Amino acid sequence: MALKRIGAGNRMSDAVIHGNMVYLSGYVAEKTVGKSVKEQTQDILEQIDATLKEAGSDKTKIVKANIWLTDIKTWAQMNEAWDAWVVPGQSPARATVESKLAGPGLDVEIMVEAAI
């Protein structure tokens, strides 16, 4: 079965479609300077929406989400954005953990897998 890559680069792709599933890379906010965890999360969720649309899917078809926070104490801020975004009754399986992220100012990273 062939793979389709979205935003393929030398190091990684934004997403990979295999069969009836799309696997997104970990997304971080495009603009972090002066942005709260809630604002970074909103930015990331907008990027996820756009990539899922390009893949022929949407947030109601997300089956799994992994979320990394640089400070687990910001969990409530992230959830403010997440809860406003997720469709009631269509929430995916999800894990949220505290972790160092790849660069300064990055406070949230989200990776999802969705059906098409």
Protein backbone atom coordinates (compact mmCIF):
# COMPACT_ATOMS: atom_id res chain seq x y z
CA MET A 1 0.00 0.00 0.00
CA ALA A 2 1.43 3.36 -1.04
CA LEU A 3 2.12 6.20 1.35
CA LYS A 4 1.17 9.81 0.67
CA ARG A 5 3.21 12.48 2.41
CA ILE A 6 2.01 16.00 3.19
CA GLY A 7 4.66 18.68 3.64
CA ALA A 8 7.52 16.23 3.12
CA GLY A 9 10.91 17.61 4.10
CA ASN A 10 14.40 16.25 4.52
CA ARG A 11 13.88 15.44 8.20
CA MET A 12 10.16 14.78 8.51
CA SER A 13 6.75 15.18 6.91
CA ASP A 14 3.88 17.21 8.33
CA ALA A 15 1.70 14.11 7.90
CA VAL A 16 1.73 10.67 6.33
CA ILE A 17 -1.35 8.95 4.95
CA HIS A 18 -1.38 5.16 5.00
CA GLY A 19 -4.56 3.33 4.12
CA ASN A 20 -7.47 5.03 5.83
CA MET A 21 -5.33 6.73 8.48
CA VAL A 22 -3.38 9.97 8.64
CA TYR A 23 -0.51 10.36 11.10
CA LEU A 24 0.49 13.93 11.93
CA SER A 25 3.89 14.97 13.20
CA GLY A 26 4.15 16.79 16.49
CA TYR A 27 2.92 20.35 15.93
CA VAL A 28 4.16 23.39 17.84
CA ALA A 29 2.96 26.99 17.70
CA GLU A 30 4.25 29.04 14.78
CA LYS A 31 4.50 32.13 16.99
CA THR A 32 5.54 31.68 20.60
CA VAL A 33 6.95 35.03 21.74
CA GLY A 34 4.63 36.44 24.37
CA LYS A 35 2.06 33.70 23.75
CA SER A 36 0.38 31.86 26.60
CA VAL A 37 -0.02 28.09 26.66
CA LYS A 38 -3.68 28.58 25.69
CA GLU A 39 -2.70 30.74 22.70
CA GLN A 40 0.01 28.30 21.62
CA THR A 41 -2.51 25.46 21.85
CA GLN A 42 -5.03 27.41 19.74
CA ASP A 43 -2.34 28.01 17.09
CA ILE A 44 -1.45 24.31 17.03
CA LEU A 45 -5.09 23.22 16.76
CA GLU A 46 -5.60 25.54 13.78
CA GLN A 47 -2.58 23.91 12.08
CA ILE A 48 -3.97 20.46 12.85
CA ASP A 49 -7.36 21.43 11.36
CA ALA A 50 -5.67 22.59 8.15
CA THR A 51 -3.53 19.46 7.81
CA LEU A 52 -6.43 17.12 8.51
CA LYS A 53 -8.49 18.94 5.87
CA GLU A 54 -5.67 18.53 3.34
CA ALA A 55 -5.59 14.81 4.19
CA GLY A 56 -9.34 14.46 3.70
CA SER A 57 -10.18 14.18 7.39
CA ASP A 58 -11.24 16.40 10.29
CA LYS A 59 -11.05 16.65 14.07
CA THR A 60 -14.11 14.42 14.56
CA LYS A 61 -12.07 11.52 13.15
CA ILE A 62 -9.07 11.87 15.46
CA VAL A 63 -8.57 8.55 17.22
CA LYS A 64 -5.50 9.40 19.30
CA ALA A 65 -3.76 12.53 20.57
CA ASN A 66 -0.48 12.94 22.43
CA ILE A 67 0.22 16.27 24.11
CA TRP A 68 3.49 17.42 25.63
CA LEU A 69 3.70 20.41 27.99
CA THR A 70 6.93 21.93 29.27
CA ASP A 71 5.14 22.53 32.58
CA ILE A 72 2.30 20.22 33.61
CA LYS A 73 0.98 23.06 35.80
CA THR A 74 -0.25 24.67 32.54
CA TRP A 75 -2.54 21.69 31.88
CA ALA A 76 -5.68 23.74 32.63
CA GLN A 77 -4.64 26.49 30.17
CA MET A 78 -4.08 23.93 27.42
CA ASN A 79 -7.41 22.30 28.22
CA GLU A 80 -9.23 25.64 27.86
CA ALA A 81 -8.23 25.71 24.19
CA TRP A 82 -8.63 21.95 23.71
CA ASP A 83 -12.12 21.82 25.26
CA ALA A 84 -13.32 24.73 23.11
CA TRP A 85 -11.98 22.95 19.99
CA VAL A 86 -12.90 19.29 20.43
CA VAL A 87 -16.39 18.30 19.29
CA PRO A 88 -18.49 17.06 22.24
CA GLY A 89 -18.92 13.30 22.03
CA GLN A 90 -16.10 13.04 19.45
CA SER A 91 -13.09 13.31 21.76
CA PRO A 92 -10.14 11.04 20.96
CA ALA A 93 -8.09 8.87 23.26
CA ARG A 94 -5.48 11.26 24.70
CA ALA A 95 -2.35 11.38 26.80
CA THR A 96 -0.75 14.53 28.22
CA VAL A 97 2.71 14.56 29.79
CA GLU A 98 5.36 17.01 30.91
CA SER A 99 8.51 17.07 28.81
CA LYS A 100 11.29 19.31 27.59
CA LEU A 101 10.59 20.47 24.04
CA ALA A 102 12.94 21.15 21.13
CA GLY A 103 13.39 24.88 21.55
CA PRO A 104 13.02 27.80 23.94
CA GLY A 105 9.54 29.28 24.10
CA LEU A 106 7.86 26.10 22.91
CA ASP A 107 5.44 25.20 25.69
CA VAL A 108 3.08 22.78 23.90
CA GLU A 109 3.42 20.07 21.27
CA ILE A 110 0.51 18.02 19.93
CA MET A 111 0.56 14.93 17.72
CA VAL A 112 -2.59 13.24 16.41
CA GLU A 113 -3.66 10.23 14.39
CA ALA A 114 -6.97 10.30 12.52
CA ALA A 115 -9.13 8.16 10.29
CA ILE A 116 -9.90 9.39 6.81
